Amino acid sequence: FMHANNIAHRDLKPCNILVERNSPTGIRIRLCDFGMSTVMLGPPSKYYDVTTTWYRAPEVCTHNPYSYGIDIWSVGCIFFELITRAPAFGLDDDNDKVFDKIYHFMESAPCLLHVKEMFKGKTIQIGPPPFQRIRFEERIMLHKYGHGAALKAANQLGSFCDLLRKLLTFYPGDRITASDALRHPFFKDEQP
């Protein structure tokens, strides 16, 4: 609804999501705290003091123009956190460190052309990965107090991870849109 009306929230995080359990239509989810939201008309935004760093998209970390994709990235971070009970990119407030975590979190190294485009001639230091790249399915199952086992038992882990890959796509131009994400098979009533 927001993106279709040219509004980007720019600060999606768990505490800005309200869940109404006793709604006449079942569970209703509402967003709050629109203090950083903006109308996205014209060229992409270049104001970078947006989103809490734990939910910040790579294009914001690298001070590149951005659009609705930053909200989509944040939703991916929130979904990961809901399932694992641990933030994907938490503990750092420094953009370079967050970017380094994002770069190494991806299942495969992001396209070098996309990384160079994001930095446009700036020198960057990306450290060696602290661990071997692993698939989202494996990463989710590593969190023993999370909900990965329940997703796996319900045959939904693969579908969830497919959605997660599309939400957490490194290059914003390739990231799924909100309307396409809502049509993803994970949200269908019946799972394969």
C-alpha atoms as a PDB file:
ATOM      1  CA  PHE A   1       0.000   0.000   0.000  1.00  0.00           C
ATOM      2  CA  MET A   2       2.696   2.503   1.000  1.00  0.00           C
ATOM      3  CA  HIS A   3       4.951   1.900  -2.000  1.00  0.00           C
ATOM      4  CA  ALA A   4       1.971   1.960  -4.371  1.00  0.00           C
ATOM      5  CA  ASN A   5       1.280   5.437  -2.962  1.00  0.00           C
ATOM      6  CA  ASN A   6       4.922   6.568  -3.393  1.00  0.00           C
ATOM      7  CA  ILE A   7       5.770   6.398   0.320  1.00  0.00           C
ATOM      8  CA  ALA A   8       8.920   4.788   1.711  1.00  0.00           C
ATOM      9  CA  HIS A   9       8.940   4.146   5.471  1.00  0.00           C
ATOM     10  CA  ARG A  10      12.756   4.171   5.756  1.00  0.00           C
ATOM     11  CA  ASP A  11      12.839   2.861   9.347  1.00  0.00           C
ATOM     12  CA  LEU A  12      11.222  -0.568   9.334  1.00  0.00           C
ATOM     13  CA  LYS A  13      12.231  -2.627  12.364  1.00  0.00           C
ATOM     14  CA  PRO A  14      10.383  -4.904  14.791  1.00  0.00           C
ATOM     15  CA  CYS A  15       9.445  -2.133  17.232  1.00  0.00           C
ATOM     16  CA  ASN A  16       7.731  -0.213  14.404  1.00  0.00           C
ATOM     17  CA  ILE A  17       5.383  -3.103  13.642  1.00  0.00           C
ATOM     18  CA  LEU A  18       2.144  -3.474  15.582  1.00  0.00           C
ATOM     19  CA  VAL A  19       0.232  -6.761  15.605  1.00  0.00           C
ATOM     20  CA  GLU A  20      -3.500  -6.753  16.310  1.00  0.00           C
ATOM     21  CA  ARG A  21      -4.545 -10.302  17.193  1.00  0.00           C
ATOM     22  CA  ASN A  22      -8.265  -9.745  17.791  1.00  0.00           C
ATOM     23  CA  SER A  23      -9.105  -8.103  14.493  1.00  0.00           C
ATOM     24  CA  PRO A  24     -12.428  -9.200  12.929  1.00  0.00           C
ATOM     25  CA  THR A  25     -10.423 -10.437   9.913  1.00  0.00           C
ATOM     26  CA  GLY A  26      -7.825 -12.334  11.948  1.00  0.00           C
ATOM     27  CA  ILE A  27      -4.368 -10.962  12.615  1.00  0.00           C
ATOM     28  CA  ARG A  28      -3.805  -7.431  11.365  1.00  0.00           C
ATOM     29  CA  ILE A  29      -0.347  -5.918  11.007  1.00  0.00           C
ATOM     30  CA  ARG A  30       0.154  -2.174  11.124  1.00  0.00           C
ATOM     31  CA  LEU A  31       3.226   0.008  10.760  1.00  0.00           C
ATOM     32  CA  CYS A  32       3.962   2.906  13.071  1.00  0.00           C
ATOM     33  CA  ASP A  33       6.565   5.661  13.512  1.00  0.00           C
ATOM     34  CA  PHE A  34       6.528   7.395  10.161  1.00  0.00           C
ATOM     35  CA  GLY A  35       9.037  10.016  11.328  1.00  0.00           C
ATOM     36  CA  MET A  36      11.583   9.039   8.667  1.00  0.00           C
ATOM     37  CA  SER A  37       9.097   8.239   5.923  1.00  0.00           C
ATOM     38  CA  THR A  38       9.119  10.227   2.710  1.00  0.00           C
ATOM     39  CA  VAL A  39       7.230  10.609  -0.520  1.00  0.00           C
ATOM     40  CA  MET A  40       9.425   9.125  -3.255  1.00  0.00           C
ATOM     41  CA  LEU A  41       8.659  11.298  -6.278  1.00  0.00           C
ATOM     42  CA  GLY A  42      11.415  12.277  -8.658  1.00  0.00           C
ATOM     43  CA  PRO A  43      15.014  11.065  -8.387  1.00  0.00           C
ATOM     44  CA  PRO A  44      16.054   8.523  -5.732  1.00  0.00           C
ATOM     45  CA  SER A  45      16.742   9.927  -2.287  1.00  0.00           C
ATOM     46  CA  LYS A  46      20.243  10.865  -1.123  1.00  0.00           C
ATOM     47  CA  TYR A  47      19.542  11.403   2.587  1.00  0.00           C
ATOM     48  CA  TYR A  48      21.478   8.625   4.368  1.00  0.00           C
ATOM     49  CA  ASP A  49      20.658   9.005   8.049  1.00  0.00           C
ATOM     50  CA  VAL A  50      17.757   6.576   7.679  1.00  0.00           C
ATOM     51  CA  THR A  51      16.973   3.116   9.033  1.00  0.00           C
ATOM     52  CA  THR A  52      18.458   1.581  12.120  1.00  0.00           C
ATOM     53  CA  THR A  53      21.814   0.095  11.074  1.00  0.00           C
ATOM     54  CA  TRP A  54      20.715  -3.468  11.876  1.00  0.00           C
ATOM     55  CA  TYR A  55      18.109  -3.175   9.093  1.00  0.00           C
ATOM     56  CA  ARG A  56      20.047  -0.914   6.708  1.00  0.00           C
ATOM     57  CA  ALA A  57      20.317  -1.864   3.035  1.00  0.00           C
ATOM     58  CA  PRO A  58      23.710  -1.978   1.278  1.00  0.00           C
ATOM     59  CA  GLU A  59      22.882   1.058  -0.875  1.00  0.00           C
ATOM     60  CA  VAL A  60      22.311   3.164   2.259  1.00  0.00           C
ATOM     61  CA  CYS A  61      25.528   1.870   3.875  1.00  0.00           C
ATOM     62  CA  THR A  62      27.439   2.969   0.770  1.00  0.00           C
ATOM     63  CA  HIS A  63      25.683   6.361   0.472  1.00  0.00           C
ATOM     64  CA  ASN A  64      24.105   5.580  -2.880  1.00  0.00           C
ATOM     65  CA  PRO A  65      20.737   6.852  -4.060  1.00  0.00           C
ATOM     66  CA  TYR A  66      17.958   4.571  -2.880  1.00  0.00           C
ATOM     67  CA  SER A  67      14.265   3.955  -3.279  1.00  0.00           C
ATOM     68  CA  TYR A  68      11.612   1.562  -1.929  1.00  0.00           C
ATOM     69  CA  GLY A  69      14.121  -1.296  -1.938  1.00  0.00           C
ATOM     70  CA  ILE A  70      15.459  -0.166   1.436  1.00  0.00           C
ATOM     71  CA  ASP A  71      12.107  -1.077   3.002  1.00  0.00           C
ATOM     72  CA  ILE A  72      12.187  -4.466   1.274  1.00  0.00           C
ATOM     73  CA  TRP A  73      15.694  -5.123   2.626  1.00  0.00           C
ATOM     74  CA  SER A  74      14.522  -4.194   6.128  1.00  0.00           C
ATOM     75  CA  VAL A  75      11.598  -6.632   5.848  1.00  0.00           C
ATOM     76  CA  GLY A  76      14.088  -9.378   4.922  1.00  0.00           C
ATOM     77  CA  CYS A  77      16.155  -8.567   8.014  1.00  0.00           C
ATOM     78  CA  ILE A  78      13.019  -8.631  10.170  1.00  0.00           C
ATOM     79  CA  PHE A  79      11.884 -11.979   8.721  1.00  0.00           C
ATOM     80  CA  PHE A  80      15.318 -13.485   9.408  1.00  0.00           C
ATOM     81  CA  GLU A  81      15.192 -12.194  12.969  1.00  0.00           C
ATOM     82  CA  LEU A  82      11.644 -13.491  13.542  1.00  0.00           C
ATOM     83  CA  ILE A  83      12.620 -16.994  12.450  1.00  0.00           C
ATOM     84  CA  THR A  84      16.062 -17.217  14.092  1.00  0.00           C
ATOM     85  CA  ARG A  85      15.478 -14.961  17.101  1.00  0.00           C
ATOM     86  CA  ALA A  86      18.751 -13.248  16.236  1.00  0.00           C
ATOM     87  CA  PRO A  87      19.437 -10.155  14.117  1.00  0.00           C
ATOM     88  CA  ALA A  88      21.131 -10.794  10.790  1.00  0.00           C
ATOM     89  CA  PHE A  89      23.421  -7.752  10.944  1.00  0.00           C
ATOM     90  CA  GLY A  90      23.212  -6.542  14.529  1.00  0.00           C
ATOM     91  CA  LEU A  91      25.769  -5.198  16.987  1.00  0.00           C
ATOM     92  CA  ASP A  92      27.448  -2.576  14.785  1.00  0.00           C
ATOM     93  CA  ASP A  93      26.510   1.033  14.123  1.00  0.00           C
ATOM     94  CA  ASP A  94      29.315   1.680  11.657  1.00  0.00           C
ATOM     95  CA  ASN A  95      28.220   1.585   8.000  1.00  0.00           C
ATOM     96  CA  ASP A  96      31.484   0.015   6.802  1.00  0.00           C
ATOM     97  CA  LYS A  97      31.242  -2.802   9.355  1.00  0.00           C
ATOM     98  CA  VAL A  98      27.578  -3.395   8.551  1.00  0.00           C
ATOM     99  CA  PHE A  99      28.398  -3.472   4.819  1.00  0.00           C
ATOM    100  CA  ASP A 100      31.194  -5.970   5.489  1.00  0.00           C
ATOM    101  CA  LYS A 101      28.729  -8.190   7.423  1.00  0.00           C
ATOM    102  CA  ILE A 102      26.184  -7.927   4.608  1.00  0.00           C
ATOM    103  CA  TYR A 103      28.807  -8.791   1.997  1.00  0.00           C
ATOM    104  CA  HIS A 104      29.832 -11.943   3.868  1.00  0.00           C
ATOM    105  CA  PHE A 105      26.284 -12.907   4.890  1.00  0.00           C
ATOM    106  CA  MET A 106      25.167 -13.462   1.294  1.00  0.00           C
ATOM    107  CA  GLU A 107      25.073 -17.079   0.091  1.00  0.00           C
ATOM    108  CA  SER A 108      27.422 -16.197  -2.751  1.00  0.00           C
ATOM    109  CA  ALA A 109      29.670 -13.204  -3.232  1.00  0.00           C
ATOM    110  CA  PRO A 110      27.754 -10.285  -4.711  1.00  0.00           C
ATOM    111  CA  CYS A 111      28.602  -9.426  -8.311  1.00  0.00           C
ATOM    112  CA  LEU A 112      31.847  -7.441  -8.326  1.00  0.00           C
ATOM    113  CA  LEU A 113      30.395  -5.002 -10.887  1.00  0.00           C
ATOM    114  CA  HIS A 114      27.533  -4.235  -8.501  1.00  0.00           C
ATOM    115  CA  VAL A 115      29.935  -3.709  -5.595  1.00  0.00           C
ATOM    116  CA  LYS A 116      32.122  -1.388  -7.706  1.00  0.00           C
ATOM    117  CA  GLU A 117      29.024   0.499  -8.872  1.00  0.00           C
ATOM    118  CA  MET A 118      27.964   1.022  -5.268  1.00  0.00           C
ATOM    119  CA  PHE A 119      31.337   2.493  -4.353  1.00  0.00           C
ATOM    120  CA  LYS A 120      31.943   4.459  -7.576  1.00  0.00           C
ATOM    121  CA  GLY A 121      35.701   4.764  -7.326  1.00  0.00           C
ATOM    122  CA  LYS A 122      35.973   4.957  -3.539  1.00  0.00           C
ATOM    123  CA  THR A 123      38.483   2.666  -1.888  1.00  0.00           C
ATOM    124  CA  ILE A 124      36.922  -0.037   0.206  1.00  0.00           C
ATOM    125  CA  GLN A 125      38.298  -2.749   2.419  1.00  0.00           C
ATOM    126  CA  ILE A 126      36.271  -5.919   2.598  1.00  0.00           C
ATOM    127  CA  GLY A 127      37.811  -8.318   5.041  1.00  0.00           C
ATOM    128  CA  PRO A 128      38.085 -12.059   4.524  1.00  0.00           C
ATOM    129  CA  PRO A 129      34.917 -13.934   5.439  1.00  0.00           C
ATOM    130  CA  PRO A 130      34.902 -15.059   9.076  1.00  0.00           C
ATOM    131  CA  PHE A 131      33.316 -18.302   7.928  1.00  0.00           C
ATOM    132  CA  GLN A 132      32.499 -20.210   4.785  1.00  0.00           C
ATOM    133  CA  ARG A 133      29.481 -18.940   2.866  1.00  0.00           C
ATOM    134  CA  ILE A 134      26.463 -21.021   3.731  1.00  0.00           C
ATOM    135  CA  ARG A 135      22.949 -21.343   2.370  1.00  0.00           C
ATOM    136  CA  PHE A 136      20.102 -19.595   4.182  1.00  0.00           C
ATOM    137  CA  GLU A 137      18.528 -22.976   5.003  1.00  0.00           C
ATOM    138  CA  GLU A 138      21.666 -24.004   6.891  1.00  0.00           C
ATOM    139  CA  ARG A 139      22.099 -20.587   8.512  1.00  0.00           C
ATOM    140  CA  ILE A 140      18.540 -20.658   9.850  1.00  0.00           C
ATOM    141  CA  MET A 141      18.943 -24.182  11.223  1.00  0.00           C
ATOM    142  CA  LEU A 142      22.084 -23.084  13.137  1.00  0.00           C
ATOM    143  CA  HIS A 143      19.858 -21.078  15.509  1.00  0.00           C
ATOM    144  CA  LYS A 144      18.659 -23.803  17.861  1.00  0.00           C
ATOM    145  CA  TYR A 145      16.230 -21.499  19.690  1.00  0.00           C
ATOM    146  CA  GLY A 146      14.677 -20.229  16.473  1.00  0.00           C
ATOM    147  CA  HIS A 147      11.779 -21.502  14.416  1.00  0.00           C
ATOM    148  CA  GLY A 148      13.748 -23.146  11.602  1.00  0.00           C
ATOM    149  CA  ALA A 149      12.832 -26.666  12.729  1.00  0.00           C
ATOM    150  CA  ALA A 150       9.123 -25.779  12.678  1.00  0.00           C
ATOM    151  CA  LEU A 151       9.437 -24.366   9.153  1.00  0.00           C
ATOM    152  CA  LYS A 152      11.307 -27.470   8.053  1.00  0.00           C
ATOM    153  CA  ALA A 153       8.719 -29.814   9.631  1.00  0.00           C
ATOM    154  CA  ALA A 154       5.938 -27.929   7.807  1.00  0.00           C
ATOM    155  CA  ASN A 155       7.856 -28.156   4.482  1.00  0.00           C
ATOM    156  CA  GLN A 156       8.072 -24.357   4.389  1.00  0.00           C
ATOM    157  CA  LEU A 157      11.789 -23.798   4.962  1.00  0.00           C
ATOM    158  CA  GLY A 158      12.672 -23.869   1.262  1.00  0.00           C
ATOM    159  CA  SER A 159       9.880 -21.465   0.329  1.00  0.00           C
ATOM    160  CA  PHE A 160      10.763 -19.139   3.212  1.00  0.00           C
ATOM    161  CA  CYS A 161      14.446 -19.092   2.208  1.00  0.00           C
ATOM    162  CA  ASP A 162      13.515 -18.396  -1.418  1.00  0.00           C
ATOM    163  CA  LEU A 163      11.525 -15.365  -0.252  1.00  0.00           C
ATOM    164  CA  LEU A 164      14.398 -14.324   2.026  1.00  0.00           C
ATOM    165  CA  ARG A 165      16.862 -14.474  -0.891  1.00  0.00           C
ATOM    166  CA  LYS A 166      14.600 -12.181  -2.895  1.00  0.00           C
ATOM    167  CA  LEU A 167      14.135  -9.728  -0.024  1.00  0.00           C
ATOM    168  CA  LEU A 168      17.853  -9.673   0.817  1.00  0.00           C
ATOM    169  CA  THR A 169      19.107  -9.353  -2.742  1.00  0.00           C
ATOM    170  CA  PHE A 170      22.319  -7.348  -2.610  1.00  0.00           C
ATOM    171  CA  TYR A 171      21.767  -5.213  -5.714  1.00  0.00           C
ATOM    172  CA  PRO A 172      18.668  -3.027  -5.241  1.00  0.00           C
ATOM    173  CA  GLY A 173      17.719  -3.179  -8.930  1.00  0.00           C
ATOM    174  CA  ASP A 174      17.299  -6.955  -8.626  1.00  0.00           C
ATOM    175  CA  ARG A 175      15.438  -6.918  -5.286  1.00  0.00           C
ATOM    176  CA  ILE A 176      11.814  -8.090  -5.220  1.00  0.00           C
ATOM    177  CA  THR A 177       9.056  -5.466  -4.968  1.00  0.00           C
ATOM    178  CA  ALA A 178       6.534  -5.381  -2.121  1.00  0.00           C
ATOM    179  CA  SER A 179       3.651  -6.416  -4.390  1.00  0.00           C
ATOM    180  CA  ASP A 180       5.652  -9.339  -5.834  1.00  0.00           C
ATOM    181  CA  ALA A 181       6.738 -10.403  -2.345  1.00  0.00           C
ATOM    182  CA  LEU A 182       3.102 -10.573  -1.220  1.00  0.00           C
ATOM    183  CA  ARG A 183       2.393 -12.929  -4.147  1.00  0.00           C
ATOM    184  CA  HIS A 184       5.291 -15.221  -3.206  1.00  0.00           C
ATOM    185  CA  PRO A 185       4.339 -18.905  -2.678  1.00  0.00           C
ATOM    186  CA  PHE A 186       5.380 -18.691   0.986  1.00  0.00           C
ATOM    187  CA  PHE A 187       2.272 -16.602   1.657  1.00  0.00           C
ATOM    188  CA  LYS A 188      -0.109 -19.005  -0.081  1.00  0.00           C
ATOM    189  CA  ASP A 189      -2.507 -20.922   2.154  1.00  0.00           C
ATOM    190  CA  GLU A 190      -1.226 -24.301   1.014  1.00  0.00           C
ATOM    191  CA  GLN A 191       2.440 -25.126   0.848  1.00  0.00           C
ATOM    192  CA  PRO A 192       3.902 -27.854  -1.389  1.00  0.00           C
END
